[in-house]
Protein backbone atom coordinates (compact mmCIF):
# COMPACT_ATOMS: atom_id res chain seq x y z
CA MET A 1 0.19 0.19 0.10
CA ARG A 2 1.36 3.39 -0.67
CA VAL A 3 0.91 6.76 1.33
CA PRO A 4 -0.21 9.82 -0.55
CA ASN A 5 2.67 12.40 -0.02
CA ASN A 6 0.40 15.15 1.40
CA ARG A 7 -0.18 12.04 4.64
CA VAL A 8 3.60 11.37 5.41
CA ARG A 9 4.93 13.62 7.96
CA THR A 10 8.40 14.62 7.51
CA ARG A 11 10.37 16.30 9.60
CA SER A 12 11.54 19.72 9.66
CA ALA A 13 14.89 21.21 10.00
CA ALA A 14 13.77 23.42 12.94
CA GLY A 15 12.04 20.48 14.50
CA ALA A 16 14.99 18.53 14.20
CA ALA A 17 17.06 21.60 15.35
CA ARG A 18 14.93 21.88 18.04
CA SER A 19 14.93 18.03 18.83
CA ALA A 20 18.82 18.05 18.93
CA LEU A 21 18.83 20.57 21.45
CA THR A 22 16.30 18.99 23.94
CA THR A 23 18.21 15.55 23.52
CA LEU A 24 21.53 17.98 24.68
CA THR A 25 19.90 19.88 27.34
CA GLY A 26 18.41 16.74 29.12
CA SER A 27 21.96 14.35 28.23
CA VAL A 28 24.18 17.34 30.09
CA GLY A 29 22.86 20.73 29.81
CA THR A 30 20.23 20.50 32.83
CA ALA A 31 22.75 18.69 35.26
CA GLY A 32 25.63 20.73 34.07
CA LEU A 33 23.70 24.34 34.71
CA ALA A 34 22.57 23.04 37.75
CA ALA A 35 25.64 22.83 39.19
CA ALA A 36 27.09 25.47 37.42
CA ALA A 37 24.24 27.28 39.44
CA THR A 38 25.84 25.87 42.90
CA ASP A 39 29.69 26.52 41.67
CA PRO A 40 30.80 29.87 40.84
CA GLY A 41 33.80 29.05 39.15
CA LEU A 42 31.94 26.78 36.57
CA LEU A 43 28.84 29.29 36.26
CA ALA A 44 32.19 31.83 35.02
CA GLU A 45 33.27 28.96 32.70
CA VAL A 46 30.13 28.16 31.37
CA ASP A 47 29.68 32.10 30.55
CA GLN A 48 32.46 32.49 28.94
CA HIS A 49 32.17 29.62 26.64
CA ALA A 50 28.99 30.74 26.01
CA ALA A 51 30.11 34.36 24.99
CA ALA A 52 32.75 32.38 22.80
CA VAL A 53 30.11 30.41 20.90
CA ARG A 54 27.83 33.50 20.54
CA ASP A 55 31.10 35.22 19.55
CA SER A 56 31.48 32.91 16.99
CA LEU A 57 27.96 32.49 15.57
CA GLU A 58 27.88 36.02 14.96
CA ALA A 59 31.33 36.46 13.11
CA ASP A 60 29.88 34.23 10.82
CA ARG A 61 26.86 36.82 10.60
CA ARG A 62 24.19 33.84 11.78
CA PRO A 63 21.94 34.78 14.34
CA LEU A 64 21.56 33.08 17.76
CA THR A 65 19.17 30.26 16.27
CA VAL A 66 17.89 26.85 17.79
CA ALA A 67 19.10 25.68 14.43
CA ALA A 68 22.75 27.82 14.50
CA LEU A 69 23.11 26.08 18.14
CA ALA A 70 22.20 22.95 17.23
CA GLY A 71 24.31 23.13 14.37
CA TYR A 72 27.36 24.14 16.99
CA ALA A 73 26.48 21.27 18.72
CA GLU A 74 26.93 18.98 16.58
CA GLY A 75 30.32 20.23 14.97
CA LEU A 76 31.83 20.38 18.19
CA ARG A 77 30.82 16.55 19.00
CA ALA A 78 32.05 15.79 15.39
CA ALA A 79 35.11 17.57 15.94
CA ALA A 80 35.80 16.65 19.35
CA GLY A 81 34.84 12.49 18.78
CA GLU A 82 37.68 12.86 15.66
CA HIS A 83 40.24 14.08 18.61
CA GLY A 84 38.93 10.93 20.93
CA TRP A 85 36.36 12.56 23.17
CA GLN A 86 33.22 11.00 24.28
CA GLN A 87 30.33 12.22 26.11
CA PRO A 88 29.97 10.85 29.46
CA ALA A 89 27.57 8.16 29.80
CA GLU A 90 28.05 8.06 33.82
CA PRO A 91 27.47 11.05 36.09
CA VAL A 92 29.42 13.87 35.51
CA ASP A 93 31.88 15.04 37.95
CA TRP A 94 30.85 18.56 37.66
CA SER A 95 33.61 19.97 39.59
CA ARG A 96 36.35 19.14 36.88
CA PRO A 97 34.21 18.78 33.27
CA ASP A 98 36.57 18.79 29.99
CA TRP A 99 36.89 21.54 27.99
CA ALA A 100 34.06 20.07 25.22
CA LEU A 101 31.44 19.25 27.81
CA THR A 102 31.45 22.41 29.26
CA ARG A 103 31.29 23.87 25.56
CA LEU A 104 27.81 21.66 25.05
CA VAL A 105 26.87 22.76 28.90
CA ALA A 106 26.78 26.39 27.53
CA VAL A 107 25.01 26.10 24.51
CA CYS A 108 22.36 24.80 26.32
CA ALA A 109 22.80 27.77 28.59
CA LEU A 110 22.24 30.12 25.20
CA ALA A 111 19.05 28.03 23.68
CA ARG A 112 17.39 29.21 27.44
CA THR A 113 18.10 32.46 26.42
CA LEU A 114 15.66 31.89 23.01
CA ASP A 115 12.30 32.61 23.31
CA PRO A 116 10.36 29.59 24.98
CA ARG A 117 8.21 29.44 21.86
CA HIS A 118 10.62 28.39 19.12
CA LEU A 119 12.09 25.66 21.79
CA ALA A 120 8.51 23.92 22.12
């Protein structure tokens, strides 16, 4: 049986980007931001990384959007993975997160600054 094209729901790029950020937030963002809220040193690191991500995206003349943040996070994971980095599967020691993990938490922090209607 063949389903007519107008009945097949395709995933939009915006939907995929929102989903990627939601997954990232669930895997590291929520815990990382909670840890940063209680550790001023970690909060400062996350803030510095967030500023660097924002500057990087703005230098490319791209606005801070769900798609830009999701793309940045995907590129970061891919580049870090090429150097042997793997996202921690177990609870993270937030007193000493590595550079890539801190950067991903910063992406989540930036995502929280976006209009919530764009993340739903």
